[in-house]
Amino acid sequence: MFFSRKGKLKREFDEKLVRLIKETKDDFHHAKALEELIDDYNLDVIAQRKAAESIHFYLFKEARIRRVIIK
């Protein structure tokens, strides 16, 4: 009775996690491409890329721990 919502909640939050992973992947690739296009050494662009990269890989690691299948 009390545990019937567990599967529904897990599925809902897994879908939200997959959506976040896809969004951060796009942000990470955009930041990476922007860094490659910049000619000079810009610390702001590098910091933005590293932040996007760390967020993406953290979410990816969390999905692996939860055993979420990304389609």
PDB file of N, CA and C in Angstrom:
ATOM      1  N   MET A   1       0.816  -1.181   0.000  1.00  0.00           N
ATOM      2  CA  MET A   1       0.000   0.000   0.000  1.00  0.00           C
ATOM      3  C   MET A   1       0.866   1.255   0.000  1.00  0.00           C
ATOM      4  N   PHE A   2       1.827   1.341   0.907  1.00  0.00           N
ATOM      5  CA  PHE A   2       2.659   2.536   0.992  1.00  0.00           C
ATOM      6  C   PHE A   2       3.759   2.551  -0.060  1.00  0.00           C
ATOM      7  N   PHE A   3       4.137   1.371  -0.534  1.00  0.00           N
ATOM      8  CA  PHE A   3       5.254   1.290  -1.458  1.00  0.00           C
ATOM      9  C   PHE A   3       4.822   1.261  -2.919  1.00  0.00           C
ATOM     10  N   SER A   4       3.557   1.442  -3.197  1.00  0.00           N
ATOM     11  CA  SER A   4       3.085   1.398  -4.577  1.00  0.00           C
ATOM     12  C   SER A   4       3.563   2.618  -5.370  1.00  0.00           C
ATOM     13  N   ARG A   5       3.843   3.711  -4.716  1.00  0.00           N
ATOM     14  CA  ARG A   5       4.304   4.927  -5.401  1.00  0.00           C
ATOM     15  C   ARG A   5       5.797   4.908  -5.666  1.00  0.00           C
ATOM     16  N   LYS A   6       6.518   3.957  -5.054  1.00  0.00           N
ATOM     17  CA  LYS A   6       7.969   3.934  -5.173  1.00  0.00           C
ATOM     18  C   LYS A   6       8.409   3.786  -6.630  1.00  0.00           C
ATOM     19  N   GLY A   7       7.799   2.865  -7.355  1.00  0.00           N
ATOM     20  CA  GLY A   7       8.157   2.668  -8.758  1.00  0.00           C
ATOM     21  C   GLY A   7       7.831   3.872  -9.614  1.00  0.00           C
ATOM     22  N   LYS A   8       6.694   4.482  -9.350  1.00  0.00           N
ATOM     23  CA  LYS A   8       6.288   5.659 -10.113  1.00  0.00           C
ATOM     24  C   LYS A   8       7.233   6.828  -9.863  1.00  0.00           C
ATOM     25  N   LEU A   9       7.616   7.041  -8.608  1.00  0.00           N
ATOM     26  CA  LEU A   9       8.543   8.128  -8.277  1.00  0.00           C
ATOM     27  C   LEU A   9       9.922   7.877  -8.873  1.00  0.00           C
ATOM     28  N   LYS A  10      10.397   6.632  -8.796  1.00  0.00           N
ATOM     29  CA  LYS A  10      11.705   6.299  -9.363  1.00  0.00           C
ATOM     30  C   LYS A  10      11.705   6.562 -10.861  1.00  0.00           C
ATOM     31  N   ARG A  11      10.662   6.133 -11.541  1.00  0.00           N
ATOM     32  CA  ARG A  11      10.561   6.337 -12.980  1.00  0.00           C
ATOM     33  C   ARG A  11      10.519   7.828 -13.319  1.00  0.00           C
ATOM     34  N   GLU A  12       9.782   8.591 -12.529  1.00  0.00           N
ATOM     35  CA  GLU A  12       9.667  10.031 -12.766  1.00  0.00           C
ATOM     36  C   GLU A  12      11.016  10.730 -12.598  1.00  0.00           C
ATOM     37  N   PHE A  13      11.728  10.415 -11.524  1.00  0.00           N
ATOM     38  CA  PHE A  13      13.010  11.066 -11.285  1.00  0.00           C
ATOM     39  C   PHE A  13      14.101  10.544 -12.214  1.00  0.00           C
ATOM     40  N   ASP A  14      13.989   9.300 -12.664  1.00  0.00           N
ATOM     41  CA  ASP A  14      14.933   8.794 -13.653  1.00  0.00           C
ATOM     42  C   ASP A  14      14.758   9.521 -14.980  1.00  0.00           C
ATOM     43  N   GLU A  15      13.510   9.781 -15.371  1.00  0.00           N
ATOM     44  CA  GLU A  15      13.264  10.540 -16.596  1.00  0.00           C
ATOM     45  C   GLU A  15      13.810  11.965 -16.480  1.00  0.00           C
ATOM     46  N   LYS A  16      13.644  12.555 -15.305  1.00  0.00           N
ATOM     47  CA  LYS A  16      14.170  13.906 -15.083  1.00  0.00           C
ATOM     48  C   LYS A  16      15.698  13.904 -15.156  1.00  0.00           C
ATOM     49  N   LEU A  17      16.330  12.859 -14.610  1.00  0.00           N
ATOM     50  CA  LEU A  17      17.782  12.745 -14.648  1.00  0.00           C
ATOM     51  C   LEU A  17      18.272  12.584 -16.080  1.00  0.00           C
ATOM     52  N   VAL A  18      17.600  11.774 -16.866  1.00  0.00           N
ATOM     53  CA  VAL A  18      17.989  11.578 -18.264  1.00  0.00           C
ATOM     54  C   VAL A  18      17.854  12.890 -19.035  1.00  0.00           C
ATOM     55  N   ARG A  19      16.787  13.631 -18.790  1.00  0.00           N
ATOM     56  CA  ARG A  19      16.597  14.921 -19.449  1.00  0.00           C
ATOM     57  C   ARG A  19      17.718  15.899 -19.073  1.00  0.00           C
ATOM     58  N   LEU A  20      18.096  15.911 -17.795  1.00  0.00           N
ATOM     59  CA  LEU A  20      19.195  16.782 -17.357  1.00  0.00           C
ATOM     60  C   LEU A  20      20.519  16.374 -17.978  1.00  0.00           C
ATOM     61  N   ILE A  21      20.749  15.076 -18.107  1.00  0.00           N
ATOM     62  CA  ILE A  21      21.996  14.603 -18.717  1.00  0.00           C
ATOM     63  C   ILE A  21      22.073  15.071 -20.167  1.00  0.00           C
ATOM     64  N   LYS A  22      20.967  14.966 -20.888  1.00  0.00           N
ATOM     65  CA  LYS A  22      20.967  15.403 -22.288  1.00  0.00           C
ATOM     66  C   LYS A  22      21.186  16.905 -22.401  1.00  0.00           C
ATOM     67  N   GLU A  23      20.584  17.682 -21.509  1.00  0.00           N
ATOM     68  CA  GLU A  23      20.765  19.133 -21.534  1.00  0.00           C
ATOM     69  C   GLU A  23      22.203  19.512 -21.204  1.00  0.00           C
ATOM     70  N   THR A  24      22.773  18.884 -20.184  1.00  0.00           N
ATOM     71  CA  THR A  24      24.146  19.225 -19.808  1.00  0.00           C
ATOM     72  C   THR A  24      25.141  18.733 -20.851  1.00  0.00           C
ATOM     73  N   LYS A  25      24.799  17.666 -21.574  1.00  0.00           N
ATOM     74  CA  LYS A  25      25.666  17.202 -22.653  1.00  0.00           C
ATOM     75  C   LYS A  25      25.741  18.261 -23.743  1.00  0.00           C
ATOM     76  N   ASP A  26      24.584  18.835 -24.076  1.00  0.00           N
ATOM     77  CA  ASP A  26      24.562  19.906 -25.077  1.00  0.00           C
ATOM     78  C   ASP A  26      25.355  21.116 -24.597  1.00  0.00           C
ATOM     79  N   ASP A  27      25.188  21.484 -23.327  1.00  0.00           N
ATOM     80  CA  ASP A  27      25.942  22.614 -22.761  1.00  0.00           C
ATOM     81  C   ASP A  27      27.441  22.344 -22.786  1.00  0.00           C
ATOM     82  N   PHE A  28      27.821  21.121 -22.449  1.00  0.00           N
ATOM     83  CA  PHE A  28      29.234  20.756 -22.420  1.00  0.00           C
ATOM     84  C   PHE A  28      29.838  20.814 -23.821  1.00  0.00           C
ATOM     85  N   HIS A  29      29.137  20.271 -24.812  1.00  0.00           N
ATOM     86  CA  HIS A  29      29.668  20.301 -26.177  1.00  0.00           C
ATOM     87  C   HIS A  29      29.715  21.727 -26.731  1.00  0.00           C
ATOM     88  N   HIS A  30      28.745  22.545 -26.342  1.00  0.00           N
ATOM     89  CA  HIS A  30      28.758  23.943 -26.767  1.00  0.00           C
ATOM     90  C   HIS A  30      29.951  24.680 -26.156  1.00  0.00           C
ATOM     91  N   ALA A  31      30.200  24.462 -24.863  1.00  0.00           N
ATOM     92  CA  ALA A  31      31.331  25.116 -24.193  1.00  0.00           C
ATOM     93  C   ALA A  31      32.657  24.622 -24.755  1.00  0.00           C
ATOM     94  N   LYS A  32      32.719  23.344 -25.084  1.00  0.00           N
ATOM     95  CA  LYS A  32      33.945  22.775 -25.655  1.00  0.00           C
ATOM     96  C   LYS A  32      34.218  23.374 -27.040  1.00  0.00           C
ATOM     97  N   ALA A  33      33.174  23.503 -27.854  1.00  0.00           N
ATOM     98  CA  ALA A  33      33.341  24.093 -29.183  1.00  0.00           C
ATOM     99  C   ALA A  33      33.715  25.566 -29.081  1.00  0.00           C
ATOM    100  N   LEU A  34      33.124  26.267 -28.122  1.00  0.00           N
ATOM    101  CA  LEU A  34      33.447  27.682 -27.926  1.00  0.00           C
ATOM    102  C   LEU A  34      34.910  27.851 -27.517  1.00  0.00           C
ATOM    103  N   GLU A  35      35.392  26.959 -26.668  1.00  0.00           N
ATOM    104  CA  GLU A  35      36.795  27.036 -26.246  1.00  0.00           C
ATOM    105  C   GLU A  35      37.733  26.779 -27.415  1.00  0.00           C
ATOM    106  N   GLU A  36      37.368  25.881 -28.320  1.00  0.00           N
ATOM    107  CA  GLU A  36      38.218  25.598 -29.475  1.00  0.00           C
ATOM    108  C   GLU A  36      38.234  26.760 -30.466  1.00  0.00           C
ATOM    109  N   LEU A  37      37.134  27.516 -30.512  1.00  0.00           N
ATOM    110  CA  LEU A  37      37.055  28.633 -31.457  1.00  0.00           C
ATOM    111  C   LEU A  37      37.784  29.883 -30.971  1.00  0.00           C
ATOM    112  N   ILE A  38      37.950  30.023 -29.668  1.00  0.00           N
ATOM    113  CA  ILE A  38      38.631  31.191 -29.113  1.00  0.00           C
ATOM    114  C   ILE A  38      40.129  31.079 -29.397  1.00  0.00           C
ATOM    115  N   ASP A  39      40.695  32.153 -29.953  1.00  0.00           N
ATOM    116  CA  ASP A  39      42.116  32.146 -30.300  1.00  0.00           C
ATOM    117  C   ASP A  39      43.007  32.378 -29.083  1.00  0.00           C
ATOM    118  N   ASP A  40      42.617  33.319 -28.237  1.00  0.00           N
ATOM    119  CA  ASP A  40      43.463  33.643 -27.094  1.00  0.00           C
ATOM    120  C   ASP A  40      43.113  32.769 -25.888  1.00  0.00           C
ATOM    121  N   TYR A  41      43.886  32.877 -24.859  1.00  0.00           N
ATOM    122  CA  TYR A  41      43.731  32.095 -23.641  1.00  0.00           C
ATOM    123  C   TYR A  41      42.786  32.842 -22.711  1.00  0.00           C
ATOM    124  N   ASN A  42      41.526  32.416 -22.663  1.00  0.00           N
ATOM    125  CA  ASN A  42      40.514  33.097 -21.880  1.00  0.00           C
ATOM    126  C   ASN A  42      40.106  32.199 -20.702  1.00  0.00           C
ATOM    127  N   LEU A  43      40.387  32.665 -19.493  1.00  0.00           N
ATOM    128  CA  LEU A  43      40.107  31.841 -18.309  1.00  0.00           C
ATOM    129  C   LEU A  43      38.617  31.650 -18.061  1.00  0.00           C
ATOM    130  N   ASP A  44      37.810  32.627 -18.425  1.00  0.00           N
ATOM    131  CA  ASP A  44      36.370  32.493 -18.227  1.00  0.00           C
ATOM    132  C   ASP A  44      35.787  31.361 -19.074  1.00  0.00           C
ATOM    133  N   VAL A  45      36.239  31.274 -20.314  1.00  0.00           N
ATOM    134  CA  VAL A  45      35.742  30.229 -21.211  1.00  0.00           C
ATOM    135  C   VAL A  45      36.202  28.857 -20.714  1.00  0.00           C
ATOM    136  N   ILE A  46      37.429  28.765 -20.248  1.00  0.00           N
ATOM    137  CA  ILE A  46      37.949  27.497 -19.733  1.00  0.00           C
ATOM    138  C   ILE A  46      37.202  27.088 -18.469  1.00  0.00           C
ATOM    139  N   ALA A  47      36.937  28.035 -17.590  1.00  0.00           N
ATOM    140  CA  ALA A  47      36.191  27.733 -16.371  1.00  0.00           C
ATOM    141  C   ALA A  47      34.763  27.301 -16.683  1.00  0.00           C
ATOM    142  N   GLN A  48      34.159  27.931 -17.675  1.00  0.00           N
ATOM    143  CA  GLN A  48      32.802  27.563 -18.071  1.00  0.00           C
ATOM    144  C   GLN A  48      32.777  26.140 -18.623  1.00  0.00           C
ATOM    145  N   ARG A  49      33.782  25.765 -19.417  1.00  0.00           N
ATOM    146  CA  ARG A  49      33.855  24.418 -19.960  1.00  0.00           C
ATOM    147  C   ARG A  49      34.071  23.384 -18.867  1.00  0.00           C
ATOM    148  N   LYS A  50      34.948  23.695 -17.934  1.00  0.00           N
ATOM    149  CA  LYS A  50      35.218  22.750 -16.849  1.00  0.00           C
ATOM    150  C   LYS A  50      34.007  22.573 -15.937  1.00  0.00           C
ATOM    151  N   ALA A  51      33.271  23.648 -15.707  1.00  0.00           N
ATOM    152  CA  ALA A  51      32.063  23.538 -14.887  1.00  0.00           C
ATOM    153  C   ALA A  51      31.010  22.691 -15.596  1.00  0.00           C
ATOM    154  N   ALA A  52      30.827  22.919 -16.886  1.00  0.00           N
ATOM    155  CA  ALA A  52      29.854  22.128 -17.651  1.00  0.00           C
ATOM    156  C   ALA A  52      30.271  20.667 -17.699  1.00  0.00           C
ATOM    157  N   GLU A  53      31.566  20.430 -17.839  1.00  0.00           N
ATOM    158  CA  GLU A  53      32.073  19.061 -17.884  1.00  0.00           C
ATOM    159  C   GLU A  53      31.858  18.343 -16.550  1.00  0.00           C
ATOM    160  N   SER A  54      32.147  19.013 -15.455  1.00  0.00           N
ATOM    161  CA  SER A  54      31.995  18.373 -14.152  1.00  0.00           C
ATOM    162  C   SER A  54      30.527  18.102 -13.828  1.00  0.00           C
ATOM    163  N   ILE A  55      29.631  19.009 -14.195  1.00  0.00           N
ATOM    164  CA  ILE A  55      28.199  18.788 -13.969  1.00  0.00           C
ATOM    165  C   ILE A  55      27.708  17.598 -14.793  1.00  0.00           C
ATOM    166  N   HIS A  56      28.122  17.539 -16.050  1.00  0.00           N
ATOM    167  CA  HIS A  56      27.684  16.445 -16.923  1.00  0.00           C
ATOM    168  C   HIS A  56      28.170  15.095 -16.408  1.00  0.00           C
ATOM    169  N   PHE A  57      29.443  15.015 -16.044  1.00  0.00           N
ATOM    170  CA  PHE A  57      29.969  13.728 -15.591  1.00  0.00           C
ATOM    171  C   PHE A  57      29.451  13.340 -14.216  1.00  0.00           C
ATOM    172  N   TYR A  58      29.114  14.313 -13.381  1.00  0.00           N
ATOM    173  CA  TYR A  58      28.488  13.993 -12.095  1.00  0.00           C
ATOM    174  C   TYR A  58      27.112  13.366 -12.317  1.00  0.00           C
ATOM    175  N   LEU A  59      26.319  13.956 -13.198  1.00  0.00           N
ATOM    176  CA  LEU A  59      24.992  13.403 -13.487  1.00  0.00           C
ATOM    177  C   LEU A  59      25.110  12.033 -14.151  1.00  0.00           C
ATOM    178  N   PHE A  60      26.097  11.862 -15.006  1.00  0.00           N
ATOM    179  CA  PHE A  60      26.303  10.570 -15.657  1.00  0.00           C
ATOM    180  C   PHE A  60      26.678   9.507 -14.633  1.00  0.00           C
ATOM    181  N   LYS A  61      27.521   9.875 -13.657  1.00  0.00           N
ATOM    182  CA  LYS A  61      27.899   8.950 -12.597  1.00  0.00           C
ATOM    183  C   LYS A  61      26.700   8.592 -11.730  1.00  0.00           C
ATOM    184  N   GLU A  62      25.856   9.565 -11.453  1.00  0.00           N
ATOM    185  CA  GLU A  62      24.650   9.315 -10.668  1.00  0.00           C
ATOM    186  C   GLU A  62      23.707   8.370 -11.401  1.00  0.00           C
ATOM    187  N   ALA A  63      23.601   8.520 -12.709  1.00  0.00           N
ATOM    188  CA  ALA A  63      22.765   7.617 -13.501  1.00  0.00           C
ATOM    189  C   ALA A  63      23.318   6.198 -13.472  1.00  0.00           C
ATOM    190  N   ARG A  64      24.621   6.081 -13.491  1.00  0.00           N
ATOM    191  CA  ARG A  64      25.235   4.754 -13.424  1.00  0.00           C
ATOM    192  C   ARG A  64      24.994   4.106 -12.066  1.00  0.00           C
ATOM    193  N   ILE A  65      25.041   4.878 -10.999  1.00  0.00           N
ATOM    194  CA  ILE A  65      24.769   4.348  -9.668  1.00  0.00           C
ATOM    195  C   ILE A  65      23.324   3.899  -9.553  1.00  0.00           C
ATOM    196  N   ARG A  66      22.398   4.688 -10.122  1.00  0.00           N
ATOM    197  CA  ARG A  66      20.974   4.354 -10.068  1.00  0.00           C
ATOM    198  C   ARG A  66      20.568   3.273 -11.062  1.00  0.00           C
ATOM    199  N   ARG A  67      21.506   2.926 -11.977  1.00  0.00           N
ATOM    200  CA  ARG A  67      21.262   1.953 -13.040  1.00  0.00           C
ATOM    201  C   ARG A  67      20.124   2.401 -13.971  1.00  0.00           C
ATOM    202  N   VAL A  68      20.242   3.643 -14.389  1.00  0.00           N
ATOM    203  CA  VAL A  68      19.277   4.226 -15.309  1.00  0.00           C
ATOM    204  C   VAL A  68      19.728   3.919 -16.732  1.00  0.00           C
ATOM    205  N   ILE A  69      18.791   3.495 -17.563  1.00  0.00           N
ATOM    206  CA  ILE A  69      19.091   3.223 -18.968  1.00  0.00           C
ATOM    207  C   ILE A  69      18.747   4.464 -19.775  1.00  0.00           C
ATOM    208  N   ILE A  70      19.751   4.998 -20.469  1.00  0.00           N
ATOM    209  CA  ILE A  70      19.569   6.195 -21.285  1.00  0.00           C
ATOM    210  C   ILE A  70      19.348   5.749 -22.726  1.00  0.00           C
ATOM    211  N   LYS A  71      18.211   6.131 -23.284  1.00  0.00           N
ATOM    212  CA  LYS A  71      17.872   5.714 -24.660  1.00  0.00           C
ATOM    213  C   LYS A  71      18.231   6.796 -25.630  1.00  0.00           C
TER     214      LYS A  71
END
